[in-house]
C-alpha atoms as a PDB file:
ATOM      1  CA  UNK A   1       6.707  75.092  44.146  1.00  0.00           C
ATOM      2  CA  UNK A   2       3.574  74.745  46.257  1.00  0.00           C
ATOM      3  CA  UNK A   3       1.201  71.522  44.373  1.00  0.00           C
ATOM      4  CA  UNK A   4      -1.248  72.304  42.124  1.00  0.00           C
ATOM      5  CA  UNK A   5      -4.887  73.415  43.337  1.00  0.00           C
ATOM      6  CA  UNK A   6      -8.194  71.673  41.870  1.00  0.00           C
ATOM      7  CA  UNK A   7     -10.667  73.724  43.509  1.00  0.00           C
ATOM      8  CA  UNK A   8     -13.528  71.168  42.763  1.00  0.00           C
ATOM      9  CA  UNK A   9     -11.859  68.371  44.624  1.00  0.00           C
ATOM     10  CA  UNK A  10     -10.809  70.981  47.341  1.00  0.00           C
ATOM     11  CA  UNK A  11     -14.913  71.189  47.520  1.00  0.00           C
ATOM     12  CA  UNK A  12     -15.088  67.200  48.455  1.00  0.00           C
ATOM     13  CA  UNK A  13     -12.436  67.288  50.947  1.00  0.00           C
ATOM     14  CA  UNK A  14     -13.496  70.860  52.625  1.00  0.00           C
ATOM     15  CA  UNK A  15     -16.943  72.165  52.138  1.00  0.00           C
ATOM     16  CA  UNK A  16     -17.568  75.611  52.124  1.00  0.00           C
ATOM     17  CA  UNK A  17     -18.797  76.924  55.325  1.00  0.00           C
ATOM     18  CA  UNK A  18     -22.274  75.757  56.335  1.00  0.00           C
ATOM     19  CA  UNK A  19     -22.858  73.213  53.013  1.00  0.00           C
ATOM     20  CA  UNK A  20     -24.626  70.454  54.029  1.00  0.00           C
ATOM     21  CA  UNK A  21     -22.240  67.220  53.638  1.00  0.00           C
ATOM     22  CA  UNK A  22     -22.971  64.121  52.398  1.00  0.00           C
ATOM     23  CA  UNK A  23     -21.629  61.538  54.367  1.00  0.00           C
ATOM     24  CA  UNK A  24     -20.964  57.561  53.909  1.00  0.00           C
ATOM     25  CA  UNK A  25     -22.108  56.234  57.238  1.00  0.00           C
ATOM     26  CA  UNK A  26     -20.689  52.288  57.133  1.00  0.00           C
ATOM     27  CA  UNK A  27     -21.725  50.693  60.377  1.00  0.00           C
ATOM     28  CA  UNK A  28     -19.363  48.249  60.993  1.00  0.00           C
ATOM     29  CA  UNK A  29     -21.458  44.923  61.354  1.00  0.00           C
ATOM     30  CA  UNK A  30     -22.942  45.590  58.001  1.00  0.00           C
ATOM     31  CA  UNK A  31     -20.192  46.766  56.353  1.00  0.00           C
ATOM     32  CA  UNK A  32     -20.659  44.505  53.311  1.00  0.00           C
ATOM     33  CA  UNK A  33     -24.122  45.148  52.677  1.00  0.00           C
ATOM     34  CA  UNK A  34     -23.649  49.366  53.031  1.00  0.00           C
ATOM     35  CA  UNK A  35     -20.719  48.701  50.656  1.00  0.00           C
ATOM     36  CA  UNK A  36     -22.830  46.417  48.266  1.00  0.00           C
ATOM     37  CA  UNK A  37     -25.594  49.148  48.147  1.00  0.00           C
ATOM     38  CA  UNK A  38     -23.135  51.746  47.451  1.00  0.00           C
ATOM     39  CA  UNK A  39     -21.610  50.030  44.243  1.00  0.00           C
ATOM     40  CA  UNK A  40     -25.330  48.453  43.286  1.00  0.00           C
ATOM     41  CA  UNK A  41     -26.295  52.356  43.286  1.00  0.00           C
ATOM     42  CA  UNK A  42     -23.906  53.480  41.142  1.00  0.00           C
ATOM     43  CA  UNK A  43     -24.133  50.823  38.713  1.00  0.00           C
ATOM     44  CA  UNK A  44     -27.616  51.540  38.339  1.00  0.00           C
ATOM     45  CA  UNK A  45     -27.034  55.057  38.180  1.00  0.00           C
ATOM     46  CA  UNK A  46     -24.482  54.193  35.144  1.00  0.00           C
ATOM     47  CA  UNK A  47     -27.229  52.127  33.854  1.00  0.00           C
ATOM     48  CA  UNK A  48     -29.619  54.477  33.785  1.00  0.00           C
ATOM     49  CA  UNK A  49     -27.042  56.965  31.691  1.00  0.00           C
ATOM     50  CA  UNK A  50     -26.886  54.317  29.268  1.00  0.00           C
ATOM     51  CA  UNK A  51     -30.247  53.967  28.903  1.00  0.00           C
ATOM     52  CA  UNK A  52     -30.710  57.911  28.328  1.00  0.00           C
ATOM     53  CA  UNK A  53     -28.111  57.629  26.180  1.00  0.00           C
ATOM     54  CA  UNK A  54     -29.960  54.918  24.130  1.00  0.00           C
ATOM     55  CA  UNK A  55     -33.371  56.910  24.229  1.00  0.00           C
ATOM     56  CA  UNK A  56     -31.587  59.722  22.603  1.00  0.00           C
ATOM     57  CA  UNK A  57     -29.728  57.345  19.963  1.00  0.00           C
ATOM     58  CA  UNK A  58     -33.026  55.867  19.116  1.00  0.00           C
ATOM     59  CA  UNK A  59     -34.938  58.958  18.840  1.00  0.00           C
ATOM     60  CA  UNK A  60     -31.755  60.550  16.757  1.00  0.00           C
ATOM     61  CA  UNK A  61     -32.370  57.725  14.322  1.00  0.00           C
ATOM     62  CA  UNK A  62     -29.132  56.051  14.753  1.00  0.00           C
ATOM     63  CA  UNK A  63     -29.645  52.641  15.754  1.00  0.00           C
ATOM     64  CA  UNK A  64     -30.877  50.087  13.044  1.00  0.00           C
ATOM     65  CA  UNK A  65     -34.256  48.158  14.811  1.00  0.00           C
ATOM     66  CA  UNK A  66     -32.004  45.095  15.517  1.00  0.00           C
ATOM     67  CA  UNK A  67     -29.550  47.526  17.278  1.00  0.00           C
ATOM     68  CA  UNK A  68     -32.144  48.911  19.343  1.00  0.00           C
ATOM     69  CA  UNK A  69     -33.917  45.231  20.153  1.00  0.00           C
ATOM     70  CA  UNK A  70     -30.432  44.430  21.422  1.00  0.00           C
ATOM     71  CA  UNK A  71     -30.063  47.353  23.272  1.00  0.00           C
ATOM     72  CA  UNK A  72     -33.257  46.953  25.276  1.00  0.00           C
ATOM     73  CA  UNK A  73     -33.116  43.747  25.997  1.00  0.00           C
ATOM     74  CA  UNK A  74     -29.284  44.369  27.518  1.00  0.00           C
ATOM     75  CA  UNK A  75     -30.782  47.447  29.736  1.00  0.00           C
ATOM     76  CA  UNK A  76     -33.254  45.291  30.836  1.00  0.00           C
ATOM     77  CA  UNK A  77     -31.612  42.033  32.081  1.00  0.00           C
ATOM     78  CA  UNK A  78     -29.190  44.633  33.157  1.00  0.00           C
ATOM     79  CA  UNK A  79     -31.621  46.488  35.439  1.00  0.00           C
ATOM     80  CA  UNK A  80     -33.055  42.809  36.417  1.00  0.00           C
ATOM     81  CA  UNK A  81     -29.658  41.588  37.829  1.00  0.00           C
ATOM     82  CA  UNK A  82     -28.619  44.824  39.140  1.00  0.00           C
ATOM     83  CA  UNK A  83     -32.206  43.862  41.421  1.00  0.00           C
ATOM     84  CA  UNK A  84     -31.438  40.684  42.107  1.00  0.00           C
ATOM     85  CA  UNK A  85     -28.079  41.697  43.599  1.00  0.00           C
ATOM     86  CA  UNK A  86     -29.580  43.930  45.512  1.00  0.00           C
ATOM     87  CA  UNK A  87     -31.707  41.353  46.863  1.00  0.00           C
ATOM     88  CA  UNK A  88     -29.518  38.968  47.783  1.00  0.00           C
ATOM     89  CA  UNK A  89     -27.678  41.507  50.405  1.00  0.00           C
ATOM     90  CA  UNK A  90     -31.347  42.670  51.511  1.00  0.00           C
ATOM     91  CA  UNK A  91     -31.365  45.865  49.610  1.00  0.00           C
ATOM     92  CA  UNK A  92     -34.569  46.951  48.171  1.00  0.00           C
ATOM     93  CA  UNK A  93     -34.738  49.275  44.843  1.00  0.00           C
ATOM     94  CA  UNK A  94     -35.024  52.413  46.684  1.00  0.00           C
ATOM     95  CA  UNK A  95     -32.199  51.487  48.748  1.00  0.00           C
ATOM     96  CA  UNK A  96     -29.743  52.050  45.389  1.00  0.00           C
ATOM     97  CA  UNK A  97     -30.961  55.748  44.840  1.00  0.00           C
ATOM     98  CA  UNK A  98     -27.773  57.760  45.908  1.00  0.00           C
ATOM     99  CA  UNK A  99     -27.829  60.816  47.868  1.00  0.00           C
ATOM    100  CA  UNK A 100     -26.011  63.259  46.412  1.00  0.00           C
ATOM    101  CA  UNK A 101     -26.513  65.529  49.321  1.00  0.00           C
ATOM    102  CA  UNK A 102     -27.408  69.263  48.580  1.00  0.00           C
ATOM    103  CA  UNK A 103     -28.384  68.102  44.510  1.00  0.00           C
ATOM    104  CA  UNK A 104     -30.859  65.839  46.367  1.00  0.00           C
ATOM    105  CA  UNK A 105     -31.628  61.623  45.678  1.00  0.00           C
ATOM    106  CA  UNK A 106     -30.832  59.914  42.101  1.00  0.00           C
ATOM    107  CA  UNK A 107     -34.096  58.477  40.750  1.00  0.00           C
END
């Protein structure tokens, strides 16, 4: 019996012929910076998702004013910390935007 196939995972390993492929290019001399860019980009993406969810909860009236204040402050501090860490690795905010290949760059 053969192992089950997962089409979505297959596309990551073997994209359709002619499809543009996003590549993770790591420079051996700058691997720490390149990996930092990738990790901080993912963290910033997750922060943006949490911010969007927080806005939806606020607009739906599901948060108290105190919760809104705490959540806003937390997200603001997280963003500042991400930018501080990026600066330590010589990265600019635009360096943290992930390139999703055919889907474009995250903002």
